[in-house]
Amino acid sequence: MYPNLLNQQFEVNEPNQVWVADITYIWTKEGWLYLASVMDLFSRKIVGWCLFERMTKELVIKALNRAINERKPQPGLIHHSDQGSQYASNEYQAILRQHGMQTSMSRKGNCYDNACAESFHSIIKKELIFHETFATREEAKHRIFEYIECFYNAERIHSANEYMSPMAYEKMHQQGKKQ
């Protein structure tokens, strides 16, 4: 399929050099909800994400487009995911090519190749999803929005970020470049 350009090299020196993407699922009393996320490996910030009732290519395309619209990356960015049909779809790959991104995919069945994206989904489940019973998909969407945008990106510290939140780490990096 596509080469594994990332090859488990999870340390990145600048924003928008490597994005990792993955999908996970969340149970609600109305049925399943799927979360597609795109993480900037530099700061571990979730730069694009989408929730939908079905695990489709449209789900991952919407998450990717949100990331592109927020970050406006330069050509050359490595986009890493597993070999899922959504990520391998012609439409998804066309968007990556249109924006000059390089496709990188994990080896078949090797979750360690996409460990940072997998780790985010494990964290959101441990810190939010497993502690709540969502009556509706809308309730889950609201709580997941709050978790990602208000807590994870803005407040949650990461050892990979010198114990700063993704937003604080990126801000520090930007200030260091201006000096």
C-alpha atoms as a PDB file:
ATOM      1  CA  MET A   1       0.000   0.000   0.000  1.00  0.00           C
ATOM      2  CA  TYR A   2       1.892   3.099   1.241  1.00  0.00           C
ATOM      3  CA  PRO A   3       5.314   3.217   2.945  1.00  0.00           C
ATOM      4  CA  ASN A   4       5.763   3.729   6.681  1.00  0.00           C
ATOM      5  CA  LEU A   5       7.641   7.039   6.475  1.00  0.00           C
ATOM      6  CA  LEU A   6       7.196   7.754  10.188  1.00  0.00           C
ATOM      7  CA  ASN A   7       8.793   4.462  11.249  1.00  0.00           C
ATOM      8  CA  GLN A   8       8.006   5.091  14.943  1.00  0.00           C
ATOM      9  CA  GLN A   9       9.985   8.359  14.987  1.00  0.00           C
ATOM     10  CA  PHE A  10       7.623  10.319  17.217  1.00  0.00           C
ATOM     11  CA  GLU A  11       9.834  13.342  18.005  1.00  0.00           C
ATOM     12  CA  VAL A  12       9.253  16.308  15.718  1.00  0.00           C
ATOM     13  CA  ASN A  13      11.019  19.709  15.844  1.00  0.00           C
ATOM     14  CA  GLU A  14       8.377  21.962  14.268  1.00  0.00           C
ATOM     15  CA  PRO A  15       4.591  22.140  14.010  1.00  0.00           C
ATOM     16  CA  ASN A  16       2.995  20.801  10.829  1.00  0.00           C
ATOM     17  CA  GLN A  17       5.781  18.388   9.955  1.00  0.00           C
ATOM     18  CA  VAL A  18       3.926  15.197  10.922  1.00  0.00           C
ATOM     19  CA  TRP A  19       0.239  14.587  11.558  1.00  0.00           C
ATOM     20  CA  VAL A  20      -1.064  11.261  12.828  1.00  0.00           C
ATOM     21  CA  ALA A  21      -4.669  10.188  12.355  1.00  0.00           C
ATOM     22  CA  ASP A  22      -6.903   7.474  13.763  1.00  0.00           C
ATOM     23  CA  ILE A  23     -10.512   6.499  14.488  1.00  0.00           C
ATOM     24  CA  THR A  24     -12.089   5.218  17.688  1.00  0.00           C
ATOM     25  CA  TYR A  25     -15.621   4.435  18.774  1.00  0.00           C
ATOM     26  CA  ILE A  26     -17.810   5.616  21.656  1.00  0.00           C
ATOM     27  CA  TRP A  27     -20.956   3.938  22.968  1.00  0.00           C
ATOM     28  CA  THR A  28     -24.075   5.981  23.693  1.00  0.00           C
ATOM     29  CA  LYS A  29     -27.575   4.788  24.593  1.00  0.00           C
ATOM     30  CA  GLU A  30     -28.567   5.797  21.048  1.00  0.00           C
ATOM     31  CA  GLY A  31     -25.818   3.623  19.526  1.00  0.00           C
ATOM     32  CA  TRP A  32     -22.217   4.024  18.401  1.00  0.00           C
ATOM     33  CA  LEU A  33     -20.458   7.289  17.664  1.00  0.00           C
ATOM     34  CA  TYR A  34     -17.112   7.359  15.853  1.00  0.00           C
ATOM     35  CA  LEU A  35     -14.334   9.870  16.555  1.00  0.00           C
ATOM     36  CA  ALA A  36     -11.742  10.594  13.866  1.00  0.00           C
ATOM     37  CA  SER A  37      -8.832  12.690  15.056  1.00  0.00           C
ATOM     38  CA  VAL A  38      -5.778  14.320  13.508  1.00  0.00           C
ATOM     39  CA  MET A  39      -2.891  15.122  15.873  1.00  0.00           C
ATOM     40  CA  ASP A  40       0.109  17.330  15.225  1.00  0.00           C
ATOM     41  CA  LEU A  41       2.948  15.164  16.473  1.00  0.00           C
ATOM     42  CA  PHE A  42       5.041  18.205  17.433  1.00  0.00           C
ATOM     43  CA  SER A  43       2.818  19.295  20.337  1.00  0.00           C
ATOM     44  CA  ARG A  44       0.306  16.422  20.501  1.00  0.00           C
ATOM     45  CA  LYS A  45      -2.426  18.983  19.729  1.00  0.00           C
ATOM     46  CA  ILE A  46      -5.605  17.635  18.150  1.00  0.00           C
ATOM     47  CA  VAL A  47      -5.751  19.891  15.093  1.00  0.00           C
ATOM     48  CA  GLY A  48      -8.760  18.273  13.436  1.00  0.00           C
ATOM     49  CA  TRP A  49     -11.478  15.937  14.584  1.00  0.00           C
ATOM     50  CA  CYS A  50     -14.983  14.824  13.706  1.00  0.00           C
ATOM     51  CA  LEU A  51     -17.747  12.752  15.282  1.00  0.00           C
ATOM     52  CA  PHE A  52     -20.251  10.794  13.206  1.00  0.00           C
ATOM     53  CA  GLU A  53     -22.672   7.880  13.544  1.00  0.00           C
ATOM     54  CA  ARG A  54     -20.904   5.775  10.923  1.00  0.00           C
ATOM     55  CA  MET A  55     -17.247   5.002  10.285  1.00  0.00           C
ATOM     56  CA  THR A  56     -16.996   6.343   6.741  1.00  0.00           C
ATOM     57  CA  LYS A  57     -14.457   8.093   4.569  1.00  0.00           C
ATOM     58  CA  GLU A  58     -16.540  11.271   5.037  1.00  0.00           C
ATOM     59  CA  LEU A  59     -15.774  11.099   8.780  1.00  0.00           C
ATOM     60  CA  VAL A  60     -12.004  11.140   8.263  1.00  0.00           C
ATOM     61  CA  ILE A  61     -12.217  13.625   5.384  1.00  0.00           C
ATOM     62  CA  LYS A  62     -14.067  16.101   7.595  1.00  0.00           C
ATOM     63  CA  ALA A  63     -11.462  15.717  10.373  1.00  0.00           C
ATOM     64  CA  LEU A  64      -8.647  16.199   7.834  1.00  0.00           C
ATOM     65  CA  ASN A  65     -10.285  19.259   6.258  1.00  0.00           C
ATOM     66  CA  ARG A  66     -10.714  20.828   9.696  1.00  0.00           C
ATOM     67  CA  ALA A  67      -7.003  20.274  10.377  1.00  0.00           C
ATOM     68  CA  ILE A  68      -6.044  21.766   7.018  1.00  0.00           C
ATOM     69  CA  ASN A  69      -8.296  24.789   7.540  1.00  0.00           C
ATOM     70  CA  GLU A  70      -6.937  25.417  11.033  1.00  0.00           C
ATOM     71  CA  ARG A  71      -3.241  24.867  10.310  1.00  0.00           C
ATOM     72  CA  LYS A  72      -2.773  25.606   6.586  1.00  0.00           C
ATOM     73  CA  PRO A  73       0.307  23.353   6.374  1.00  0.00           C
ATOM     74  CA  GLN A  74       3.055  23.788   3.817  1.00  0.00           C
ATOM     75  CA  PRO A  75       3.678  20.990   1.286  1.00  0.00           C
ATOM     76  CA  GLY A  76       5.851  18.159   2.545  1.00  0.00           C
ATOM     77  CA  LEU A  77       3.944  17.349   5.735  1.00  0.00           C
ATOM     78  CA  ILE A  78       3.873  13.619   6.521  1.00  0.00           C
ATOM     79  CA  HIS A  79       0.361  12.314   7.194  1.00  0.00           C
ATOM     80  CA  HIS A  80       0.482   8.995   9.053  1.00  0.00           C
ATOM     81  CA  SER A  81      -2.426   6.615   9.676  1.00  0.00           C
ATOM     82  CA  ASP A  82      -3.215   2.938   9.751  1.00  0.00           C
ATOM     83  CA  GLN A  83      -4.178   1.111   6.552  1.00  0.00           C
ATOM     84  CA  GLY A  84      -7.919   1.551   7.085  1.00  0.00           C
ATOM     85  CA  SER A  85     -10.079   1.793   4.000  1.00  0.00           C
ATOM     86  CA  GLN A  86     -11.170   5.312   4.976  1.00  0.00           C
ATOM     87  CA  TYR A  87      -7.559   6.571   4.890  1.00  0.00           C
ATOM     88  CA  ALA A  88      -6.687   4.606   1.755  1.00  0.00           C
ATOM     89  CA  SER A  89      -9.765   5.861  -0.134  1.00  0.00           C
ATOM     90  CA  ASN A  90      -9.170   7.701  -3.396  1.00  0.00           C
ATOM     91  CA  GLU A  91     -10.944  10.802  -2.065  1.00  0.00           C
ATOM     92  CA  TYR A  92      -8.820  11.017   1.090  1.00  0.00           C
ATOM     93  CA  GLN A  93      -5.582  10.431  -0.787  1.00  0.00           C
ATOM     94  CA  ALA A  94      -6.563  13.076  -3.346  1.00  0.00           C
ATOM     95  CA  ILE A  95      -6.908  15.672  -0.563  1.00  0.00           C
ATOM     96  CA  LEU A  96      -3.473  14.740   0.783  1.00  0.00           C
ATOM     97  CA  ARG A  97      -1.939  15.087  -2.701  1.00  0.00           C
ATOM     98  CA  GLN A  98      -3.800  18.363  -3.345  1.00  0.00           C
ATOM     99  CA  HIS A  99      -2.110  19.832  -0.248  1.00  0.00           C
ATOM    100  CA  GLY A 100       1.311  18.339  -0.981  1.00  0.00           C
ATOM    101  CA  MET A 101       1.209  15.906   1.942  1.00  0.00           C
ATOM    102  CA  GLN A 102       3.142  12.640   1.967  1.00  0.00           C
ATOM    103  CA  THR A 103       1.153   9.526   2.841  1.00  0.00           C
ATOM    104  CA  SER A 104       2.628   7.267   5.503  1.00  0.00           C
ATOM    105  CA  MET A 105       0.850   4.178   6.804  1.00  0.00           C
ATOM    106  CA  SER A 106       1.496   1.752   9.636  1.00  0.00           C
ATOM    107  CA  ARG A 107       2.530  -1.771   8.853  1.00  0.00           C
ATOM    108  CA  LYS A 108      -0.399  -4.162   8.785  1.00  0.00           C
ATOM    109  CA  GLY A 109      -1.560  -5.024  12.305  1.00  0.00           C
ATOM    110  CA  ASN A 110       1.168  -2.993  14.068  1.00  0.00           C
ATOM    111  CA  CYS A 111      -0.495  -0.565  16.515  1.00  0.00           C
ATOM    112  CA  TYR A 112       2.925   0.682  17.700  1.00  0.00           C
ATOM    113  CA  ASP A 113       3.470   2.376  14.331  1.00  0.00           C
ATOM    114  CA  ASN A 114       0.664   4.827  15.178  1.00  0.00           C
ATOM    115  CA  ALA A 115       1.191   4.831  18.950  1.00  0.00           C
ATOM    116  CA  CYS A 116       0.601   8.563  19.526  1.00  0.00           C
ATOM    117  CA  ALA A 117      -2.800   8.597  17.820  1.00  0.00           C
ATOM    118  CA  GLU A 118      -3.742   5.359  19.589  1.00  0.00           C
ATOM    119  CA  SER A 119      -2.548   6.869  22.866  1.00  0.00           C
ATOM    120  CA  PHE A 120      -4.824   9.902  22.485  1.00  0.00           C
ATOM    121  CA  HIS A 121      -7.842   7.658  22.010  1.00  0.00           C
ATOM    122  CA  SER A 122      -6.824   5.602  25.036  1.00  0.00           C
ATOM    123  CA  ILE A 123      -6.470   8.787  27.112  1.00  0.00           C
ATOM    124  CA  ILE A 124      -9.848  10.253  26.123  1.00  0.00           C
ATOM    125  CA  LYS A 125     -11.476   6.935  26.968  1.00  0.00           C
ATOM    126  CA  LYS A 126      -9.756   6.670  30.369  1.00  0.00           C
ATOM    127  CA  GLU A 127     -10.259  10.306  31.324  1.00  0.00           C
ATOM    128  CA  LEU A 128     -13.757  10.909  29.931  1.00  0.00           C
ATOM    129  CA  ILE A 129     -15.637   8.213  28.065  1.00  0.00           C
ATOM    130  CA  PHE A 130     -15.319   5.326  30.537  1.00  0.00           C
ATOM    131  CA  HIS A 131     -16.523   7.612  33.359  1.00  0.00           C
ATOM    132  CA  GLU A 132     -19.751   8.669  31.707  1.00  0.00           C
ATOM    133  CA  THR A 133     -22.849   7.086  30.262  1.00  0.00           C
ATOM    134  CA  PHE A 134     -24.007   9.174  27.347  1.00  0.00           C
ATOM    135  CA  ALA A 135     -27.782   9.156  26.945  1.00  0.00           C
ATOM    136  CA  THR A 136     -27.598  10.648  23.465  1.00  0.00           C
ATOM    137  CA  ARG A 137     -25.058  11.139  20.714  1.00  0.00           C
ATOM    138  CA  GLU A 138     -25.518  14.905  21.097  1.00  0.00           C
ATOM    139  CA  GLU A 139     -24.562  14.701  24.768  1.00  0.00           C
ATOM    140  CA  ALA A 140     -21.442  12.719  23.846  1.00  0.00           C
ATOM    141  CA  LYS A 141     -20.551  15.228  21.112  1.00  0.00           C
ATOM    142  CA  HIS A 142     -20.852  18.127  23.553  1.00  0.00           C
ATOM    143  CA  ARG A 143     -18.696  16.474  26.221  1.00  0.00           C
ATOM    144  CA  ILE A 144     -16.065  15.334  23.692  1.00  0.00           C
ATOM    145  CA  PHE A 145     -15.898  18.869  22.255  1.00  0.00           C
ATOM    146  CA  GLU A 146     -15.303  20.242  25.772  1.00  0.00           C
ATOM    147  CA  TYR A 147     -12.681  17.600  26.493  1.00  0.00           C
ATOM    148  CA  ILE A 148     -10.662  18.130  23.294  1.00  0.00           C
ATOM    149  CA  GLU A 149     -10.912  21.891  22.869  1.00  0.00           C
ATOM    150  CA  CYS A 150     -11.113  23.115  26.472  1.00  0.00           C
ATOM    151  CA  PHE A 151      -9.086  20.504  28.344  1.00  0.00           C
ATOM    152  CA  TYR A 152      -6.850  18.291  26.193  1.00  0.00           C
ATOM    153  CA  ASN A 153      -5.472  20.975  23.855  1.00  0.00           C
ATOM    154  CA  ALA A 154      -5.543  23.848  26.352  1.00  0.00           C
ATOM    155  CA  GLU A 155      -4.730  22.354  29.766  1.00  0.00           C
ATOM    156  CA  ARG A 156      -3.647  18.712  29.752  1.00  0.00           C
ATOM    157  CA  ILE A 157       0.104  18.451  30.204  1.00  0.00           C
ATOM    158  CA  HIS A 158       2.299  15.991  28.304  1.00  0.00           C
ATOM    159  CA  SER A 159       5.733  14.722  29.194  1.00  0.00           C
ATOM    160  CA  ALA A 160       6.663  15.026  25.498  1.00  0.00           C
ATOM    161  CA  ASN A 161       5.912  18.773  25.788  1.00  0.00           C
ATOM    162  CA  GLU A 162       8.141  19.454  28.788  1.00  0.00           C
ATOM    163  CA  TYR A 163       4.990  19.051  30.916  1.00  0.00           C
ATOM    164  CA  MET A 164       3.052  21.771  29.096  1.00  0.00           C
ATOM    165  CA  SER A 165      -0.288  21.605  27.315  1.00  0.00           C
ATOM    166  CA  PRO A 166      -0.207  21.387  23.517  1.00  0.00           C
ATOM    167  CA  MET A 167      -1.281  25.028  23.174  1.00  0.00           C
ATOM    168  CA  ALA A 168       1.255  26.291  25.726  1.00  0.00           C
ATOM    169  CA  TYR A 169       4.016  24.262  24.073  1.00  0.00           C
ATOM    170  CA  GLU A 170       3.231  25.685  20.644  1.00  0.00           C
ATOM    171  CA  LYS A 171       3.057  29.212  22.075  1.00  0.00           C
ATOM    172  CA  MET A 172       6.460  28.777  23.760  1.00  0.00           C
ATOM    173  CA  HIS A 173       7.900  27.455  20.487  1.00  0.00           C
ATOM    174  CA  GLN A 174       6.520  30.443  18.536  1.00  0.00           C
ATOM    175  CA  GLN A 175       7.885  32.933  21.070  1.00  0.00           C
ATOM    176  CA  GLY A 176      11.296  31.254  20.941  1.00  0.00           C
ATOM    177  CA  LYS A 177      11.349  31.605  17.144  1.00  0.00           C
ATOM    178  CA  LYS A 178      10.554  35.337  17.349  1.00  0.00           C
ATOM    179  CA  GLN A 179      13.448  36.096  19.692  1.00  0.00           C
END
